[in-house]
Protein backbone atom coordinates (compact mmCIF):
# COMPACT_ATOMS: atom_id res chain seq x y z
CA MET A 1 109.95 113.83 77.31
CA ALA A 2 112.10 111.36 79.19
CA THR A 3 113.28 107.87 78.37
CA VAL A 4 112.31 105.39 81.10
CA LEU A 5 113.81 101.93 81.57
CA SER A 6 111.24 99.70 83.30
CA VAL A 7 113.08 96.79 84.92
CA SER A 8 111.35 93.66 86.20
CA GLY A 9 113.46 91.63 88.60
CA SER A 10 110.99 88.75 88.72
CA PRO A 11 112.16 85.29 87.65
CA SER A 12 108.62 84.30 86.60
CA ALA A 13 107.18 84.75 83.11
CA THR A 14 103.69 85.08 84.62
CA SER A 15 104.79 87.36 87.44
CA ARG A 16 102.41 89.86 88.99
CA THR A 17 105.41 92.16 89.37
CA ALA A 18 106.16 92.19 85.64
CA ARG A 19 102.49 92.58 84.74
CA LEU A 20 102.13 95.46 87.18
CA LEU A 21 105.19 97.15 85.65
CA ARG A 22 103.84 96.78 82.11
CA HIS A 23 100.54 98.28 83.34
CA LEU A 24 102.43 101.25 84.83
CA ASP A 25 104.52 101.52 81.64
CA ARG A 26 101.31 102.31 79.76
CA ARG A 27 100.56 105.14 82.19
CA LEU A 28 104.06 106.59 81.69
CA THR A 29 103.73 106.26 77.91
CA SER A 30 100.40 108.08 78.01
CA GLN A 31 102.20 110.90 79.83
CA GLY A 32 104.56 111.25 76.88
CA HIS A 33 107.57 109.22 78.05
CA GLU A 34 109.38 106.65 75.97
CA VAL A 35 109.32 103.43 78.01
CA ILE A 36 111.70 100.54 77.41
CA PRO A 37 110.79 97.32 79.25
CA LEU A 38 113.55 95.03 80.51
CA ASP A 39 112.68 91.67 82.05
CA VAL A 40 115.89 90.52 83.72
CA ARG A 41 114.74 86.89 83.45
CA THR A 42 115.26 87.13 79.66
CA LEU A 43 119.00 87.76 80.06
CA PRO A 44 121.17 84.65 79.77
CA ALA A 45 121.59 82.91 83.13
CA GLU A 46 125.20 82.01 82.36
CA ALA A 47 126.04 85.70 81.85
CA LEU A 48 124.30 86.78 85.06
CA LEU A 49 125.55 83.97 87.28
CA GLY A 50 129.00 83.89 85.70
CA ALA A 51 129.38 87.67 86.10
CA ASP A 52 130.19 88.01 82.41
CA PHE A 53 130.43 91.79 82.09
CA ARG A 54 131.31 91.48 78.39
CA HIS A 55 128.40 89.25 77.38
CA PRO A 56 126.48 91.06 74.60
CA ALA A 57 123.19 90.89 76.57
CA VAL A 58 124.84 92.42 79.66
CA VAL A 59 126.50 95.11 77.54
CA GLU A 60 123.13 95.89 75.94
CA ALA A 61 121.39 96.07 79.35
CA THR A 62 124.14 98.38 80.61
CA GLU A 63 123.63 100.62 77.59
CA LEU A 64 119.88 100.75 78.31
CA PHE A 65 120.59 101.95 81.85
CA ASP A 66 123.01 104.53 80.47
CA ARG A 67 120.50 105.81 77.90
CA ALA A 68 117.58 106.15 80.33
CA ASP A 69 116.66 109.35 82.15
CA GLY A 70 114.59 107.42 84.66
CA ILE A 71 114.52 103.87 85.92
CA VAL A 72 111.55 101.98 87.35
CA ILE A 73 112.80 98.99 89.33
CA GLY A 74 110.17 96.36 90.14
CA THR A 75 110.84 93.29 92.21
CA PRO A 76 109.01 90.61 94.10
CA VAL A 77 110.10 90.41 97.71
CA TYR A 78 111.53 87.11 98.88
CA LYS A 79 112.60 86.67 102.50
CA ALA A 80 112.44 90.44 103.12
CA ALA A 81 114.74 91.32 100.21
CA TYR A 82 114.56 92.09 96.52
CA SER A 83 115.03 89.18 94.12
CA GLY A 84 118.39 87.53 93.60
CA LEU A 85 117.81 87.84 89.86
CA LEU A 86 117.66 91.64 90.18
CA LYS A 87 120.74 91.59 92.39
CA SER A 88 122.66 89.61 89.78
CA LEU A 89 121.98 92.32 87.20
CA LEU A 90 122.69 95.24 89.54
CA ASP A 91 126.01 93.58 90.44
CA LEU A 92 127.04 93.60 86.76
CA LEU A 93 126.30 97.28 86.19
CA PRO A 94 129.02 99.89 86.67
CA GLN A 95 129.33 101.14 90.26
CA TYR A 96 127.73 104.48 89.42
CA ALA A 97 125.31 103.33 86.72
CA LEU A 98 122.48 105.39 88.24
CA VAL A 99 124.24 108.76 88.42
CA GLY A 100 121.95 111.39 86.92
CA LYS A 101 118.95 109.05 87.03
CA THR A 102 115.58 109.42 88.70
CA VAL A 103 114.55 106.05 90.14
CA LEU A 104 111.19 104.64 91.22
CA PRO A 105 111.47 101.47 93.34
CA LEU A 106 108.43 99.17 93.39
CA ALA A 107 107.90 95.84 95.11
CA THR A 108 105.25 93.17 95.35
CA GLY A 109 104.84 90.51 97.99
CA GLY A 110 102.50 88.28 99.87
CA SER A 111 102.58 90.03 103.22
CA THR A 112 102.82 93.54 104.63
CA ALA A 113 105.72 92.17 106.68
CA HIS A 114 107.82 92.87 103.55
CA VAL A 115 106.86 96.53 103.12
CA LEU A 116 110.19 97.80 104.43
CA ALA A 117 112.18 95.81 101.85
CA ILE A 118 112.12 98.84 99.56
CA ASP A 119 113.64 101.19 102.12
CA TYR A 120 115.99 98.77 103.90
CA ALA A 121 117.11 96.45 101.10
CA LEU A 122 116.61 98.10 97.70
CA ARG A 123 116.96 101.85 98.33
CA PRO A 124 120.50 101.61 99.84
CA VAL A 125 121.75 99.72 96.77
CA LEU A 126 120.18 102.23 94.39
CA SER A 127 121.67 105.06 96.39
CA SER A 128 125.12 103.47 96.41
CA MET A 129 124.90 103.26 92.62
CA GLY A 130 124.60 107.05 92.51
CA ALA A 131 120.89 107.53 91.81
CA THR A 132 120.36 111.28 91.71
CA HIS A 133 116.76 111.15 92.89
CA ILE A 134 115.01 108.11 94.33
CA VAL A 135 111.33 108.98 94.52
CA GLN A 136 109.01 107.45 97.10
CA GLY A 137 108.54 103.79 96.24
CA TRP A 138 105.49 101.60 96.64
CA PHE A 139 104.79 98.06 97.87
CA THR A 140 101.74 96.24 96.50
CA LEU A 141 100.33 93.08 98.01
CA ASP A 142 100.01 90.16 95.60
CA LYS A 143 96.35 89.79 96.59
CA ASP A 144 95.69 93.33 95.35
CA ILE A 145 96.78 92.42 91.81
CA ALA A 146 94.29 90.30 89.88
CA VAL A 147 95.21 88.91 86.49
CA GLY A 148 92.47 88.42 83.91
CA ASP A 149 92.23 85.51 81.47
CA ASP A 150 93.94 87.68 78.86
CA GLY A 151 96.87 88.42 81.22
CA THR A 152 95.79 92.00 81.92
CA PRO A 153 96.35 93.04 85.52
CA THR A 154 93.77 94.86 87.59
CA VAL A 155 94.85 96.53 90.80
CA ALA A 156 92.45 96.92 93.72
CA PRO A 157 91.05 100.49 93.91
CA GLY A 158 93.00 101.76 96.97
CA PRO A 159 96.40 100.47 95.87
CA ALA A 160 95.67 101.49 92.26
CA GLU A 161 95.09 105.09 93.31
CA ALA A 162 98.27 105.10 95.41
CA LEU A 163 100.29 103.57 92.55
CA ASN A 164 98.97 106.19 90.13
CA GLN A 165 100.08 108.94 92.51
CA VAL A 166 103.54 107.39 92.90
CA VAL A 167 103.94 107.03 89.13
CA ASP A 168 102.70 110.58 88.57
CA ARG A 169 105.26 111.95 91.06
CA PHE A 170 107.98 109.97 89.28
CA SER A 171 106.79 111.42 85.96
CA GLU A 172 106.82 114.95 87.41
CA ALA A 173 110.36 114.41 88.71
CA LEU A 174 111.41 113.25 85.23
CA ASP A 175 109.75 116.29 83.64
CA SER A 176 111.55 118.62 86.07
CA ARG A 177 114.88 116.91 85.38
CA THR A 178 114.35 117.10 81.61
CA THR A 179 113.41 120.78 81.84
CA VAL A 180 116.57 121.57 83.84
CA LEU A 181 118.80 119.62 81.45
CA THR A 182 117.24 121.34 78.43
CA ALA A 183 117.66 124.77 80.02
CA THR A 184 121.29 124.16 80.96
CA GLY A 185 122.16 122.56 77.64
């Protein structure tokens, strides 16, 4: 199966975005994929803000992108755009870091006014970085993600079903890609 890098661009340790990603990671793992979580907020701020391409944490993150067959990018939406934290990481990656990758963009936000942030803010950047296949993304309202006392997220039934379908299509795209690569050697 495929190796998936699951990237949270949220600056918050208690973020609904990150919790939603970890929830979806379990679904991908149950489908046989190896999932590697990456919370951008854990990378050193001085490396991100100082554009230190050679910082060991940035080098390691770059290697994770290189190793992955598929990338799930999750971000909260602020002022109709993906997070600045995510942008700081994407800016440090090589120009074509997503060549050969299947990418699933996901976003969370407080209002449906931000739904288009995936297609008008995030997708063009992912495309410019050479993503081979950007599958249909999904926006989830913050109010549709409840977090239990133990930190486990629960997604409202309608959005949960839609998210499962989006993740399953991403998984199918990864399986197709892996099958083609195996067949062609």
